[in-house]
Amino acid sequence: MITGHNIGARIVSEFPDARNSVAEVIEMYGQDVVGPAMFSYVSVGFFHPVFSPAIQSNDVARIEQCYRFLEGLLDSPDPDIVDAAVIRVVPWTLGPDWIDATRRFGGPLLQAEVDLG
């Protein structure tokens, strides 16, 4: 379960190459992981350095891993994490470069969020 207390560690655990991006968020916000910091963890720590490059390079294994992680964000008991994922990541999943992967790898929470029918 991804929470405000472990989001940085979970990103780094799942995507070790995002370590520097997560460190950048910690440098900006310290260990305070509420509100705006959540949006930075999701954007600066996960989306921009990991998910977007996976789509651009068509790395299928990495794309699938990213969609699983996104599902974990959407399943978080922390509403700030869910809001950050819905606002910062979910809209991209409907874009022309993303929609096929969303249909193929998107979990039930993402599918419900984007309503692909």
N, C-alpha and C. Protein backbone atom coordinates (compact mmCIF):
# COMPACT_ATOMS: atom_id res chain seq x y z
N MET A 1 0.85 -1.17 0.00
CA MET A 1 0.00 0.00 0.00
C MET A 1 0.90 1.24 0.00
N ILE A 2 0.64 2.15 -0.90
CA ILE A 2 1.43 3.38 -1.01
C ILE A 2 0.77 4.45 -0.15
N THR A 3 1.56 5.01 0.77
CA THR A 3 1.06 6.05 1.66
C THR A 3 1.99 7.26 1.60
N GLY A 4 1.57 8.31 2.26
CA GLY A 4 2.42 9.49 2.34
C GLY A 4 3.73 9.23 3.05
N HIS A 5 3.74 8.25 3.92
CA HIS A 5 4.96 7.94 4.67
C HIS A 5 5.95 7.11 3.87
N ASN A 6 5.49 6.44 2.81
CA ASN A 6 6.42 5.56 2.09
C ASN A 6 6.50 5.81 0.59
N ILE A 7 5.85 6.84 0.08
CA ILE A 7 5.79 7.02 -1.37
C ILE A 7 7.18 7.15 -2.01
N GLY A 8 8.06 7.93 -1.41
CA GLY A 8 9.41 8.07 -1.98
C GLY A 8 10.15 6.75 -2.00
N ALA A 9 10.09 6.03 -0.88
CA ALA A 9 10.76 4.72 -0.81
C ALA A 9 10.15 3.73 -1.78
N ARG A 10 8.84 3.78 -1.95
CA ARG A 10 8.18 2.86 -2.88
C ARG A 10 8.58 3.15 -4.32
N ILE A 11 8.68 4.43 -4.68
CA ILE A 11 9.11 4.78 -6.04
C ILE A 11 10.53 4.24 -6.27
N VAL A 12 11.42 4.50 -5.34
CA VAL A 12 12.82 4.08 -5.49
C VAL A 12 12.93 2.55 -5.48
N SER A 13 12.13 1.91 -4.65
CA SER A 13 12.15 0.45 -4.59
C SER A 13 11.71 -0.17 -5.92
N GLU A 14 10.68 0.39 -6.50
CA GLU A 14 10.13 -0.13 -7.76
C GLU A 14 10.96 0.31 -8.96
N PHE A 15 11.49 1.54 -8.89
CA PHE A 15 12.22 2.14 -10.01
C PHE A 15 13.53 2.74 -9.49
N PRO A 16 14.55 1.94 -9.25
CA PRO A 16 15.80 2.45 -8.66
C PRO A 16 16.42 3.62 -9.42
N ASP A 17 16.20 3.68 -10.73
CA ASP A 17 16.76 4.77 -11.51
C ASP A 17 16.08 6.11 -11.23
N ALA A 18 14.99 6.11 -10.45
CA ALA A 18 14.31 7.36 -10.07
C ALA A 18 14.86 7.94 -8.77
N ARG A 19 15.90 7.31 -8.22
CA ARG A 19 16.46 7.74 -6.93
C ARG A 19 16.79 9.24 -6.91
N ASN A 20 17.46 9.74 -7.95
CA ASN A 20 17.84 11.14 -7.98
C ASN A 20 16.62 12.06 -8.06
N SER A 21 15.61 11.64 -8.78
CA SER A 21 14.39 12.45 -8.88
C SER A 21 13.68 12.52 -7.55
N VAL A 22 13.62 11.40 -6.84
CA VAL A 22 13.00 11.38 -5.52
C VAL A 22 13.83 12.24 -4.56
N ALA A 23 15.14 12.16 -4.64
CA ALA A 23 16.00 12.99 -3.80
C ALA A 23 15.75 14.48 -4.06
N GLU A 24 15.47 14.83 -5.31
CA GLU A 24 15.15 16.21 -5.66
C GLU A 24 13.87 16.66 -4.96
N VAL A 25 12.88 15.79 -4.89
CA VAL A 25 11.63 16.13 -4.19
C VAL A 25 11.90 16.29 -2.69
N ILE A 26 12.69 15.40 -2.13
CA ILE A 26 13.02 15.49 -0.70
C ILE A 26 13.77 16.79 -0.43
N GLU A 27 14.65 17.17 -1.34
CA GLU A 27 15.39 18.43 -1.18
C GLU A 27 14.44 19.62 -1.21
N MET A 28 13.42 19.57 -2.04
CA MET A 28 12.45 20.67 -2.13
C MET A 28 11.55 20.76 -0.90
N TYR A 29 11.10 19.60 -0.40
CA TYR A 29 10.07 19.58 0.64
C TYR A 29 10.52 18.99 1.96
N GLY A 30 11.73 18.49 2.04
CA GLY A 30 12.15 17.79 3.24
C GLY A 30 11.38 16.48 3.34
N GLN A 31 11.19 16.01 4.53
CA GLN A 31 10.47 14.76 4.72
C GLN A 31 8.96 14.98 4.84
N ASP A 32 8.51 16.22 4.67
CA ASP A 32 7.09 16.55 4.76
C ASP A 32 6.40 16.06 3.50
N VAL A 33 5.62 15.00 3.62
CA VAL A 33 5.00 14.41 2.44
C VAL A 33 3.49 14.55 2.49
N VAL A 34 3.03 15.78 2.53
CA VAL A 34 1.60 16.06 2.48
C VAL A 34 1.35 17.11 1.41
N GLY A 35 0.12 17.18 0.96
CA GLY A 35 -0.30 18.21 0.02
C GLY A 35 0.58 18.33 -1.20
N PRO A 36 1.19 19.52 -1.40
CA PRO A 36 1.97 19.77 -2.62
C PRO A 36 3.10 18.79 -2.84
N ALA A 37 3.69 18.27 -1.77
CA ALA A 37 4.78 17.32 -1.94
C ALA A 37 4.31 16.07 -2.68
N MET A 38 3.07 15.66 -2.46
CA MET A 38 2.54 14.47 -3.15
C MET A 38 2.54 14.68 -4.65
N PHE A 39 2.14 15.86 -5.07
CA PHE A 39 2.12 16.16 -6.50
C PHE A 39 3.53 16.08 -7.08
N SER A 40 4.52 16.53 -6.31
CA SER A 40 5.90 16.46 -6.79
C SER A 40 6.41 15.03 -6.82
N TYR A 41 6.07 14.24 -5.81
CA TYR A 41 6.49 12.83 -5.85
C TYR A 41 5.92 12.15 -7.09
N VAL A 42 4.65 12.39 -7.36
CA VAL A 42 4.00 11.74 -8.50
C VAL A 42 4.55 12.27 -9.82
N SER A 43 4.77 13.58 -9.92
CA SER A 43 5.26 14.17 -11.17
C SER A 43 6.77 14.04 -11.34
N VAL A 44 7.51 14.62 -10.40
CA VAL A 44 8.97 14.71 -10.50
C VAL A 44 9.64 13.37 -10.18
N GLY A 45 9.04 12.62 -9.25
CA GLY A 45 9.63 11.36 -8.83
C GLY A 45 9.25 10.16 -9.67
N PHE A 46 8.05 10.19 -10.26
CA PHE A 46 7.57 9.02 -11.01
C PHE A 46 7.24 9.32 -12.46
N PHE A 47 6.33 10.22 -12.71
CA PHE A 47 5.83 10.39 -14.08
C PHE A 47 6.92 10.81 -15.07
N HIS A 48 7.57 11.93 -14.80
CA HIS A 48 8.54 12.46 -15.77
C HIS A 48 9.79 11.60 -15.95
N PRO A 49 10.39 11.08 -14.86
CA PRO A 49 11.60 10.31 -15.09
C PRO A 49 11.38 8.83 -15.44
N VAL A 50 10.18 8.31 -15.20
CA VAL A 50 9.97 6.87 -15.35
C VAL A 50 8.88 6.54 -16.37
N PHE A 51 7.66 7.00 -16.10
CA PHE A 51 6.51 6.58 -16.91
C PHE A 51 6.56 7.16 -18.32
N SER A 52 6.76 8.44 -18.44
CA SER A 52 6.79 9.07 -19.76
C SER A 52 7.91 8.50 -20.64
N PRO A 53 9.14 8.34 -20.12
CA PRO A 53 10.18 7.73 -20.95
C PRO A 53 9.87 6.29 -21.35
N ALA A 54 9.18 5.56 -20.49
CA ALA A 54 8.81 4.18 -20.84
C ALA A 54 7.89 4.17 -22.06
N ILE A 55 6.92 5.07 -22.06
CA ILE A 55 6.00 5.17 -23.20
C ILE A 55 6.76 5.59 -24.46
N GLN A 56 7.62 6.60 -24.31
CA GLN A 56 8.36 7.11 -25.47
C GLN A 56 9.27 6.06 -26.07
N SER A 57 9.84 5.20 -25.24
CA SER A 57 10.76 4.18 -25.76
C SER A 57 10.07 2.87 -26.09
N ASN A 58 8.77 2.81 -25.79
CA ASN A 58 7.97 1.60 -26.04
C ASN A 58 8.56 0.37 -25.34
N ASP A 59 9.02 0.59 -24.11
CA ASP A 59 9.56 -0.48 -23.28
C ASP A 59 8.39 -1.18 -22.59
N VAL A 60 7.89 -2.24 -23.20
CA VAL A 60 6.64 -2.88 -22.77
C VAL A 60 6.70 -3.36 -21.32
N ALA A 61 7.80 -3.97 -20.92
CA ALA A 61 7.89 -4.45 -19.53
C ALA A 61 7.84 -3.28 -18.56
N ARG A 62 8.53 -2.20 -18.89
CA ARG A 62 8.54 -1.01 -18.03
C ARG A 62 7.18 -0.34 -18.03
N ILE A 63 6.53 -0.28 -19.18
CA ILE A 63 5.19 0.31 -19.26
C ILE A 63 4.23 -0.46 -18.36
N GLU A 64 4.27 -1.77 -18.43
CA GLU A 64 3.39 -2.58 -17.59
C GLU A 64 3.69 -2.34 -16.11
N GLN A 65 4.94 -2.24 -15.76
CA GLN A 65 5.34 -1.97 -14.38
C GLN A 65 4.80 -0.60 -13.94
N CYS A 66 4.87 0.39 -14.81
CA CYS A 66 4.38 1.73 -14.49
C CYS A 66 2.87 1.74 -14.29
N TYR A 67 2.14 1.03 -15.13
CA TYR A 67 0.68 0.96 -14.95
C TYR A 67 0.33 0.26 -13.64
N ARG A 68 1.09 -0.75 -13.25
CA ARG A 68 0.85 -1.39 -11.94
C ARG A 68 1.09 -0.41 -10.81
N PHE A 69 2.15 0.39 -10.93
CA PHE A 69 2.45 1.37 -9.90
C PHE A 69 1.35 2.44 -9.86
N LEU A 70 0.91 2.89 -11.02
CA LEU A 70 -0.19 3.86 -11.07
C LEU A 70 -1.43 3.30 -10.39
N GLU A 71 -1.72 2.04 -10.59
CA GLU A 71 -2.87 1.42 -9.93
C GLU A 71 -2.69 1.48 -8.41
N GLY A 72 -1.46 1.27 -7.95
CA GLY A 72 -1.17 1.39 -6.53
C GLY A 72 -1.39 2.79 -6.01
N LEU A 73 -1.02 3.80 -6.80
CA LEU A 73 -1.29 5.19 -6.42
C LEU A 73 -2.80 5.44 -6.30
N LEU A 74 -3.54 4.94 -7.27
CA LEU A 74 -4.99 5.14 -7.26
C LEU A 74 -5.68 4.37 -6.13
N ASP A 75 -5.01 3.35 -5.62
CA ASP A 75 -5.56 2.53 -4.54
C ASP A 75 -5.09 2.99 -3.16
N SER A 76 -4.35 4.08 -3.11
CA SER A 76 -3.81 4.56 -1.84
C SER A 76 -4.93 5.02 -0.91
N PRO A 77 -4.75 4.78 0.40
CA PRO A 77 -5.72 5.32 1.36
C PRO A 77 -5.52 6.82 1.58
N ASP A 78 -4.45 7.37 1.02
CA ASP A 78 -4.14 8.79 1.19
C ASP A 78 -4.77 9.58 0.04
N PRO A 79 -5.77 10.40 0.33
CA PRO A 79 -6.45 11.13 -0.76
C PRO A 79 -5.53 12.08 -1.52
N ASP A 80 -4.48 12.58 -0.88
CA ASP A 80 -3.53 13.45 -1.60
C ASP A 80 -2.80 12.68 -2.69
N ILE A 81 -2.47 11.43 -2.43
CA ILE A 81 -1.80 10.62 -3.44
C ILE A 81 -2.74 10.32 -4.59
N VAL A 82 -3.97 9.95 -4.26
CA VAL A 82 -4.96 9.66 -5.30
C VAL A 82 -5.19 10.90 -6.15
N ASP A 83 -5.38 12.06 -5.49
CA ASP A 83 -5.60 13.30 -6.23
C ASP A 83 -4.41 13.62 -7.14
N ALA A 84 -3.20 13.45 -6.62
CA ALA A 84 -2.01 13.74 -7.43
C ALA A 84 -1.97 12.83 -8.66
N ALA A 85 -2.27 11.55 -8.48
CA ALA A 85 -2.26 10.62 -9.62
C ALA A 85 -3.35 10.98 -10.63
N VAL A 86 -4.53 11.30 -10.14
CA VAL A 86 -5.65 11.63 -11.03
C VAL A 86 -5.37 12.92 -11.81
N ILE A 87 -4.75 13.88 -11.16
CA ILE A 87 -4.51 15.18 -11.80
C ILE A 87 -3.25 15.16 -12.67
N ARG A 88 -2.18 14.52 -12.19
CA ARG A 88 -0.89 14.61 -12.87
C ARG A 88 -0.59 13.48 -13.84
N VAL A 89 -1.24 12.33 -13.70
CA VAL A 89 -0.89 11.19 -14.55
C VAL A 89 -2.07 10.72 -15.41
N VAL A 90 -3.22 10.56 -14.81
CA VAL A 90 -4.36 9.96 -15.52
C VAL A 90 -4.68 10.66 -16.84
N PRO A 91 -4.71 11.99 -16.91
CA PRO A 91 -5.03 12.61 -18.21
C PRO A 91 -4.09 12.19 -19.34
N TRP A 92 -2.83 11.96 -19.02
CA TRP A 92 -1.87 11.53 -20.04
C TRP A 92 -2.24 10.17 -20.61
N THR A 93 -2.83 9.32 -19.77
CA THR A 93 -3.12 7.95 -20.20
C THR A 93 -4.18 7.89 -21.30
N LEU A 94 -4.81 9.02 -21.58
CA LEU A 94 -5.81 9.08 -22.64
C LEU A 94 -5.25 9.67 -23.94
N GLY A 95 -3.99 10.09 -23.91
CA GLY A 95 -3.37 10.69 -25.08
C GLY A 95 -3.11 9.67 -26.17
N PRO A 96 -2.88 10.14 -27.40
CA PRO A 96 -2.70 9.23 -28.53
C PRO A 96 -1.51 8.28 -28.38
N ASP A 97 -0.45 8.71 -27.69
CA ASP A 97 0.71 7.82 -27.50
C ASP A 97 0.49 6.82 -26.38
N TRP A 98 -0.57 7.01 -25.60
CA TRP A 98 -0.78 6.23 -24.38
C TRP A 98 -1.99 5.31 -24.42
N ILE A 99 -2.99 5.64 -25.19
CA ILE A 99 -4.30 5.00 -25.07
C ILE A 99 -4.24 3.48 -25.28
N ASP A 100 -3.46 3.01 -26.21
CA ASP A 100 -3.36 1.56 -26.42
C ASP A 100 -2.79 0.87 -25.19
N ALA A 101 -1.74 1.46 -24.59
CA ALA A 101 -1.17 0.89 -23.38
C ALA A 101 -2.16 0.96 -22.22
N THR A 102 -2.94 2.02 -22.15
CA THR A 102 -3.94 2.15 -21.09
C THR A 102 -4.97 1.04 -21.22
N ARG A 103 -5.41 0.78 -22.43
CA ARG A 103 -6.38 -0.31 -22.64
C ARG A 103 -5.76 -1.67 -22.29
N ARG A 104 -4.50 -1.84 -22.61
CA ARG A 104 -3.84 -3.14 -22.41
C ARG A 104 -3.42 -3.36 -20.96
N PHE A 105 -2.87 -2.33 -20.30
CA PHE A 105 -2.25 -2.52 -18.99
C PHE A 105 -2.95 -1.81 -17.84
N GLY A 106 -3.87 -0.91 -18.15
CA GLY A 106 -4.54 -0.18 -17.08
C GLY A 106 -5.35 -1.11 -16.19
N GLY A 107 -5.18 -0.94 -14.89
CA GLY A 107 -5.90 -1.76 -13.93
C GLY A 107 -7.34 -1.29 -13.76
N PRO A 108 -8.10 -1.97 -12.93
CA PRO A 108 -9.53 -1.64 -12.78
C PRO A 108 -9.79 -0.23 -12.25
N LEU A 109 -8.94 0.28 -11.38
CA LEU A 109 -9.16 1.64 -10.87
C LEU A 109 -8.92 2.67 -11.96
N LEU A 110 -7.88 2.48 -12.75
CA LEU A 110 -7.63 3.40 -13.86
C LEU A 110 -8.73 3.28 -14.90
N GLN A 111 -9.13 2.06 -15.23
CA GLN A 111 -10.19 1.88 -16.22
C GLN A 111 -11.47 2.58 -15.77
N ALA A 112 -11.79 2.49 -14.49
CA ALA A 112 -12.99 3.16 -13.97
C ALA A 112 -12.81 4.68 -14.03
N GLU A 113 -11.62 5.15 -13.76
CA GLU A 113 -11.34 6.59 -13.75
C GLU A 113 -11.48 7.19 -15.15
N VAL A 114 -11.00 6.48 -16.17
CA VAL A 114 -11.02 7.01 -17.53
C VAL A 114 -12.24 6.57 -18.32
N ASP A 115 -12.96 5.60 -17.80
CA ASP A 115 -14.21 5.14 -18.40
C ASP A 115 -14.07 4.82 -19.89
N LEU A 116 -13.23 3.83 -20.18
CA LEU A 116 -13.04 3.41 -21.57
C LEU A 116 -14.12 2.46 -22.05
N GLY A 117 -15.04 2.14 -21.17
CA GLY A 117 -16.17 1.30 -21.55
C GLY A 117 -15.80 -0.08 -21.68
